[in-house]
Amino acid sequence: MSQSNFNLGKVAVLMGGHSAEREISLMSGNGVLQALLARGVDAHAFDPAQRDLGDLKKAQFSRCFIALHGRYGEDGTMQGALELMGIPYTGSGVLASAISIDKVMTKRVWRAEGLPTPAWFEVHSAQATLDAFAALGSPMIVKPAREGSTIGLTKVLDADQCAAAYELAAQHDPLVLCEQFVSGDEVTVPVLGTGLDAQALPVIRIVAPGGNYDYQHKYFTDDTKYLVPCGLPAGEEAAIQQITVKAYRTLGCRGWARADVMIDAVTRKPYLLEINTAPGMTGHSLVPMSARAAGISYEDLCVRLLQTATLDYPAAGQSPDGVAA
């Protein structure tokens, strides 16, 4: 065990949990766990759906790697619990996590800061979804505002689909987002770091069968192509990275995140869709793929992220990374 990794202490890899993305979280968490163990970290699996959170304190874990996706892990609730226990954790803090998981709130913040994001409506009924379709046109994306992994998402092509699309999304979240569809290249951009030190990793261009980058194509097939280098003109890639880092900083994200972006096929203007503050770390996941293109191995990425574990509100006599001052 290296001295530096020994100093990371006893680490809980939080995985599983209660969200609709539990299955993917377990895949991410087990990948992270094995990587940390391979690097000599004293890491242990911890599933909040099967153990009381108080066990983190009782078992004297010194920091947590959050590999939870979606609600109760990526939405500020777990971050708040860890703040109260004084256990540093990876990724964004309470406020940035809570805003980022809410696609409507995220878009409001971005729009207020002049960042490009597709037009949208927040809807609470099938009729409102139909009204949004009349305003936004076809195609229109209908999705839960606070879910990930394309769960509950429908690409609406005609008015007859609006009611079913709303009902599907509403099954996962009472807050439903109707968003103007941007036709063009789909890319994703990981960001590492905090504040002025935040930097974008290489852009990945996603080419899914029929343009349908759904849950199955994200995690369980090899039909989707991920291009890194992305093949975009150098100036265009740099501009997308710049916008993504600004979007990351605007929300107050820290540690790491991954933003999804659409590039209009005609104007080549990029539009920010959403940001994930606890991205996937599975065999199909995109942050490790981009990091690898930048010369960062999966194992080194996991250790690097763990080293950034911190607190919003360290207790008196405690530094943000949990070490007694």
Protein backbone atom coordinates (compact mmCIF):
# COMPACT_ATOMS: atom_id res chain seq x y z
CA MET A 1 0.00 0.00 0.00
CA SER A 2 1.44 3.34 -0.98
CA GLN A 3 1.82 5.97 1.71
CA SER A 4 -0.42 8.43 -0.17
CA ASN A 5 -3.22 5.91 -0.58
CA PHE A 6 -2.85 4.78 3.01
CA ASN A 7 -3.48 8.39 4.04
CA LEU A 8 -6.89 8.24 2.36
CA GLY A 9 -8.04 6.17 5.33
CA LYS A 10 -10.97 3.76 5.49
CA VAL A 11 -13.16 4.42 2.47
CA ALA A 12 -16.82 3.56 1.86
CA VAL A 13 -17.85 3.16 -1.78
CA LEU A 14 -21.53 4.06 -1.71
CA MET A 15 -23.42 2.04 -4.30
CA GLY A 16 -26.87 0.64 -5.01
CA GLY A 17 -29.24 2.74 -2.99
CA HIS A 18 -32.95 3.29 -3.56
CA SER A 19 -33.15 5.05 -6.94
CA ALA A 20 -34.38 3.80 -10.29
CA GLU A 21 -30.72 3.62 -11.30
CA ARG A 22 -29.79 1.10 -8.59
CA GLU A 23 -28.67 -1.56 -11.07
CA ILE A 24 -26.27 0.81 -12.81
CA SER A 25 -25.02 2.18 -9.50
CA LEU A 26 -24.03 -1.31 -8.38
CA MET A 27 -22.08 -1.75 -11.61
CA SER A 28 -20.36 1.62 -11.13
CA GLY A 29 -19.64 1.03 -7.46
CA ASN A 30 -18.13 -2.40 -7.91
CA GLY A 31 -15.87 -1.07 -10.65
CA VAL A 32 -14.69 1.76 -8.39
CA LEU A 33 -14.24 -0.61 -5.44
CA GLN A 34 -12.00 -2.97 -7.39
CA ALA A 35 -9.99 -0.06 -8.77
CA LEU A 36 -9.38 1.42 -5.33
CA LEU A 37 -8.44 -1.96 -3.87
CA ALA A 38 -6.00 -2.46 -6.75
CA ARG A 39 -4.37 0.84 -5.78
CA GLY A 40 -3.98 -0.19 -2.14
CA VAL A 41 -6.89 1.83 -0.73
CA ASP A 42 -8.73 0.42 2.30
CA ALA A 43 -12.05 0.47 0.45
CA HIS A 44 -15.34 -1.25 1.33
CA ALA A 45 -18.72 -1.58 -0.41
CA PHE A 46 -21.61 0.20 1.33
CA ASP A 47 -25.20 -0.06 0.08
CA PRO A 48 -27.48 2.49 1.79
CA ALA A 49 -30.48 0.37 0.84
CA GLN A 50 -29.15 -2.45 3.00
CA ARG A 51 -27.33 -0.65 5.81
CA ASP A 52 -28.17 2.23 8.09
CA LEU A 53 -26.23 5.37 7.22
CA GLY A 54 -25.23 5.67 10.86
CA ASP A 55 -22.97 2.67 10.28
CA LEU A 56 -20.65 4.96 8.32
CA LYS A 57 -19.89 6.81 11.53
CA LYS A 58 -19.87 3.72 13.74
CA ALA A 59 -17.45 1.92 11.42
CA GLN A 60 -15.21 5.00 11.37
CA PHE A 61 -15.10 5.54 7.64
CA SER A 62 -12.90 8.55 6.92
CA ARG A 63 -14.32 9.39 3.46
CA CYS A 64 -16.90 8.23 0.93
CA PHE A 65 -16.75 7.69 -2.80
CA ILE A 66 -20.30 8.35 -4.02
CA ALA A 67 -21.13 5.91 -6.82
CA LEU A 68 -24.87 6.37 -6.29
CA HIS A 69 -26.89 7.61 -9.25
CA GLY A 70 -30.16 9.53 -9.20
CA ARG A 71 -32.28 10.25 -6.17
CA TYR A 72 -31.06 9.68 -2.62
CA GLY A 73 -27.46 9.76 -3.83
CA GLU A 74 -26.92 12.39 -6.50
CA ASP A 75 -29.57 14.91 -5.39
CA GLY A 76 -28.06 16.48 -2.28
CA THR A 77 -29.73 14.23 0.27
CA MET A 78 -26.77 11.89 0.76
CA GLN A 79 -24.43 14.86 0.63
CA GLY A 80 -26.42 16.50 3.43
CA ALA A 81 -26.29 13.37 5.56
CA LEU A 82 -22.53 13.11 5.12
CA GLU A 83 -22.14 16.79 5.99
CA LEU A 84 -23.98 16.19 9.26
CA MET A 85 -21.72 13.22 10.04
CA GLY A 86 -18.59 15.14 9.03
CA ILE A 87 -17.48 12.51 6.50
CA PRO A 88 -15.91 14.00 3.34
CA TYR A 89 -17.34 12.74 0.04
CA THR A 90 -16.57 12.87 -3.65
CA GLY A 91 -18.40 15.11 -6.09
CA SER A 92 -20.50 18.21 -5.70
CA GLY A 93 -21.88 19.58 -2.46
CA VAL A 94 -25.48 19.81 -1.27
CA LEU A 95 -26.64 22.83 -3.29
CA ALA A 96 -24.95 21.97 -6.59
CA SER A 97 -26.15 18.37 -6.35
CA ALA A 98 -29.74 19.41 -5.64
CA ILE A 99 -29.83 21.90 -8.51
CA SER A 100 -28.06 19.68 -11.03
CA ILE A 101 -30.39 16.71 -10.64
CA ASP A 102 -33.36 18.98 -11.39
CA LYS A 103 -33.20 19.57 -15.14
CA VAL A 104 -35.69 22.44 -14.97
CA MET A 105 -33.78 24.30 -12.26
CA THR A 106 -30.50 23.63 -14.05
CA LYS A 107 -31.85 25.15 -17.25
CA ARG A 108 -33.16 28.19 -15.36
CA VAL A 109 -29.73 28.85 -13.90
CA TRP A 110 -27.98 28.33 -17.21
CA ARG A 111 -30.44 30.55 -19.05
CA ALA A 112 -30.00 33.28 -16.41
CA GLU A 113 -26.24 33.15 -17.02
CA GLY A 114 -26.66 33.35 -20.79
CA LEU A 115 -25.66 29.75 -21.46
CA PRO A 116 -27.33 27.97 -24.40
CA THR A 117 -29.93 25.31 -23.59
CA PRO A 118 -32.93 24.15 -25.66
CA ALA A 119 -36.30 25.83 -25.14
CA TRP A 120 -38.50 24.03 -22.61
CA PHE A 121 -41.72 23.96 -20.62
CA GLU A 122 -42.36 22.54 -17.17
CA VAL A 123 -45.68 20.62 -17.35
CA HIS A 124 -48.04 19.01 -14.87
CA SER A 125 -50.70 17.47 -17.14
CA ALA A 126 -51.23 15.77 -20.49
CA GLN A 127 -52.97 18.88 -21.79
CA ALA A 128 -50.01 21.06 -20.84
CA THR A 129 -47.77 18.59 -22.67
CA LEU A 130 -49.95 18.99 -25.76
CA ASP A 131 -49.72 22.78 -25.42
CA ALA A 132 -45.93 22.52 -25.14
CA PHE A 133 -45.84 20.41 -28.30
CA ALA A 134 -47.80 23.09 -30.15
CA ALA A 135 -45.23 25.68 -29.04
CA LEU A 136 -42.02 23.67 -29.41
CA GLY A 137 -42.88 21.65 -32.50
CA SER A 138 -41.84 18.16 -33.56
CA PRO A 139 -39.82 16.36 -32.41
CA MET A 140 -40.12 17.16 -28.69
CA ILE A 141 -38.47 15.39 -25.78
CA VAL A 142 -40.64 14.57 -22.74
CA LYS A 143 -38.83 13.33 -19.65
CA PRO A 144 -38.92 13.31 -15.85
CA ALA A 145 -37.15 16.40 -14.53
CA ARG A 146 -35.27 14.51 -11.82
CA GLU A 147 -34.28 11.16 -13.28
CA GLY A 148 -31.28 10.05 -15.29
CA SER A 149 -30.19 7.34 -17.73
CA THR A 150 -33.03 8.33 -20.12
CA ILE A 151 -35.51 6.66 -17.75
CA GLY A 152 -39.10 7.69 -18.61
CA LEU A 153 -38.02 9.61 -21.72
CA THR A 154 -40.07 9.82 -24.94
CA LYS A 155 -39.24 11.45 -28.26
CA VAL A 156 -42.63 12.81 -29.34
CA LEU A 157 -43.19 13.06 -33.08
CA ASP A 158 -46.90 13.89 -33.21
CA ALA A 159 -49.62 15.25 -30.93
CA ASP A 160 -51.21 11.84 -30.40
CA GLN A 161 -48.15 10.74 -28.42
CA CYS A 162 -48.28 13.58 -25.89
CA ALA A 163 -50.62 12.01 -23.33
CA ALA A 164 -48.74 8.69 -23.18
CA ALA A 165 -45.38 10.49 -23.03
CA TYR A 166 -46.57 12.60 -20.10
CA GLU A 167 -47.97 9.59 -18.24
CA LEU A 168 -44.71 7.67 -18.66
CA ALA A 169 -42.59 10.55 -17.39
CA ALA A 170 -44.99 11.30 -14.53
CA GLN A 171 -44.65 7.73 -13.29
CA HIS A 172 -41.09 8.61 -12.34
CA ASP A 173 -41.51 12.24 -11.28
CA PRO A 174 -44.48 14.60 -10.85
CA LEU A 175 -42.30 17.30 -12.40
CA VAL A 176 -42.15 16.70 -16.16
CA LEU A 177 -39.97 18.54 -18.66
CA CYS A 178 -40.90 19.15 -22.29
CA GLU A 179 -37.84 20.16 -24.28
CA GLN A 180 -37.25 21.26 -27.85
CA PHE A 181 -35.35 18.58 -29.74
CA VAL A 182 -32.04 19.63 -31.25
CA SER A 183 -31.11 17.61 -34.32
CA GLY A 184 -27.39 17.09 -34.80
CA ASP A 185 -24.32 15.60 -33.14
CA GLU A 186 -24.68 14.32 -29.57
CA VAL A 187 -21.61 14.76 -27.40
CA THR A 188 -20.71 14.46 -23.75
CA VAL A 189 -17.99 16.31 -21.86
CA PRO A 190 -16.50 15.26 -18.51
CA VAL A 191 -15.04 17.91 -16.21
CA LEU A 192 -12.55 17.36 -13.40
CA GLY A 193 -11.60 19.82 -10.68
CA THR A 194 -13.10 22.70 -8.75
CA GLY A 195 -13.51 26.41 -9.40
CA LEU A 196 -10.80 27.97 -11.53
CA ASP A 197 -8.96 24.63 -11.57
CA ALA A 198 -11.85 22.85 -13.31
CA GLN A 199 -10.87 21.48 -16.71
CA ALA A 200 -12.76 19.62 -19.42
CA LEU A 201 -11.57 16.23 -20.61
CA PRO A 202 -11.74 15.24 -24.31
CA VAL A 203 -15.20 15.48 -25.89
CA ILE A 204 -16.88 12.16 -26.78
CA ARG A 205 -19.23 12.01 -29.77
CA ILE A 206 -22.04 9.48 -29.38
CA VAL A 207 -23.39 7.68 -32.44
CA ALA A 208 -26.32 5.48 -31.40
CA PRO A 209 -28.33 3.18 -33.71
CA GLY A 210 -31.01 5.30 -35.35
CA GLY A 211 -30.02 8.18 -33.07
CA ASN A 212 -31.71 6.33 -30.19
CA TYR A 213 -29.35 6.61 -27.22
CA ASP A 214 -31.68 4.94 -24.70
CA TYR A 215 -31.16 3.00 -21.45
CA GLN A 216 -30.41 -0.27 -23.27
CA HIS A 217 -27.94 1.30 -25.68
CA LYS A 218 -26.25 3.18 -22.84
CA TYR A 219 -25.45 0.19 -20.67
CA PHE A 220 -26.18 -3.19 -22.17
CA THR A 221 -25.25 -3.29 -25.87
CA ASP A 222 -22.17 -2.63 -27.94
CA ASP A 223 -24.12 -1.12 -30.84
CA THR A 224 -23.47 2.49 -29.84
CA LYS A 225 -20.24 4.04 -31.11
CA TYR A 226 -18.27 6.41 -28.89
CA LEU A 227 -15.81 8.53 -30.81
CA VAL A 228 -12.85 9.94 -28.93
CA PRO A 229 -11.15 11.82 -30.48
CA CYS A 230 -14.60 13.12 -31.33
CA GLY A 231 -13.76 14.08 -34.91
CA LEU A 232 -15.11 17.62 -34.56
CA PRO A 233 -13.05 20.59 -35.78
CA ALA A 234 -10.53 21.58 -33.11
CA GLY A 235 -12.07 24.99 -32.63
CA GLU A 236 -15.54 23.52 -32.21
CA GLU A 237 -14.39 20.98 -29.63
CA ALA A 238 -12.54 23.69 -27.66
CA ALA A 239 -15.64 25.94 -27.70
CA ILE A 240 -17.82 23.08 -26.38
CA GLN A 241 -15.31 22.37 -23.61
CA GLN A 242 -15.28 26.06 -22.67
CA ILE A 243 -19.08 26.26 -22.47
CA THR A 244 -19.20 23.04 -20.44
CA VAL A 245 -16.69 24.27 -17.87
CA LYS A 246 -18.64 27.52 -17.52
CA ALA A 247 -21.87 25.54 -17.04
CA TYR A 248 -20.12 23.41 -14.39
CA ARG A 249 -18.78 26.40 -12.49
CA THR A 250 -22.10 28.26 -12.76
CA LEU A 251 -23.86 25.46 -10.87
CA GLY A 252 -21.10 25.32 -8.27
CA CYS A 253 -20.06 21.79 -9.16
CA ARG A 254 -16.84 20.39 -7.80
CA GLY A 255 -14.69 17.27 -8.06
CA TRP A 256 -16.17 15.92 -11.25
CA ALA A 257 -19.25 15.83 -13.45
CA ARG A 258 -20.29 15.11 -17.02
CA ALA A 259 -22.40 17.38 -19.23
CA ASP A 260 -24.49 16.26 -22.20
CA VAL A 261 -24.56 18.59 -25.21
CA MET A 262 -26.33 18.63 -28.58
CA ILE A 263 -24.80 20.43 -31.56
CA ASP A 264 -27.32 21.85 -34.02
CA ALA A 265 -26.63 20.23 -37.40
CA VAL A 266 -27.32 23.44 -39.32
CA THR A 267 -25.92 26.24 -37.16
CA ARG A 268 -23.31 24.11 -35.29
CA LYS A 269 -24.35 25.88 -32.11
CA PRO A 270 -23.97 23.71 -28.97
CA TYR A 271 -26.88 23.39 -26.54
CA LEU A 272 -26.45 22.18 -22.96
CA LEU A 273 -28.96 19.48 -22.01
CA GLU A 274 -28.05 18.44 -18.46
CA ILE A 275 -25.19 17.73 -16.10
CA ASN A 276 -24.53 14.59 -14.06
CA THR A 277 -22.71 15.14 -10.77
CA ALA A 278 -22.19 11.40 -10.05
CA PRO A 279 -21.59 10.00 -13.53
CA GLY A 280 -21.48 6.32 -14.35
CA MET A 281 -18.29 4.35 -13.84
CA THR A 282 -19.33 1.11 -15.58
CA GLY A 283 -17.59 -0.66 -18.45
CA HIS A 284 -19.73 1.38 -20.87
CA SER A 285 -19.34 4.68 -19.01
CA LEU A 286 -18.04 7.81 -20.66
CA VAL A 287 -15.97 9.61 -18.03
CA PRO A 288 -13.44 6.74 -17.81
CA MET A 289 -13.37 6.57 -21.62
CA SER A 290 -12.59 10.28 -21.93
CA ALA A 291 -10.06 10.13 -19.10
CA ARG A 292 -8.30 7.25 -20.82
CA ALA A 293 -7.99 9.37 -23.97
CA ALA A 294 -6.32 12.01 -21.77
CA GLY A 295 -3.85 9.45 -20.43
CA ILE A 296 -5.62 8.78 -17.10
CA SER A 297 -6.28 5.10 -16.32
CA TYR A 298 -9.51 3.95 -14.67
CA GLU A 299 -7.69 3.13 -11.43
CA ASP A 300 -5.85 6.44 -11.33
CA LEU A 301 -9.09 8.30 -12.08
CA CYS A 302 -10.81 6.64 -9.12
CA VAL A 303 -7.95 7.52 -6.77
CA ARG A 304 -7.78 11.07 -8.09
CA LEU A 305 -11.51 11.55 -7.49
CA LEU A 306 -11.25 10.07 -4.01
CA GLN A 307 -8.45 12.50 -3.19
CA THR A 308 -10.87 15.38 -3.90
CA ALA A 309 -13.38 14.21 -1.26
CA THR A 310 -14.36 17.19 0.86
CA LEU A 311 -17.07 18.86 2.92
CA ASP A 312 -19.06 22.05 2.44
CA TYR A 313 -19.07 22.70 6.17
CA PRO A 314 -16.16 21.13 8.06
CA ALA A 315 -16.52 21.12 11.82
CA ALA A 316 -14.36 23.27 14.07
CA GLY A 317 -10.84 21.88 14.05
CA GLN A 318 -11.51 19.85 10.92
CA SER A 319 -10.20 20.65 7.45
CA PRO A 320 -12.56 20.26 4.45
CA ASP A 321 -11.02 16.87 3.59
CA GLY A 322 -11.80 15.57 7.07
CA VAL A 323 -8.32 15.67 8.54
CA ALA A 324 -8.08 17.17 12.00
CA ALA A 325 -6.40 20.57 11.82
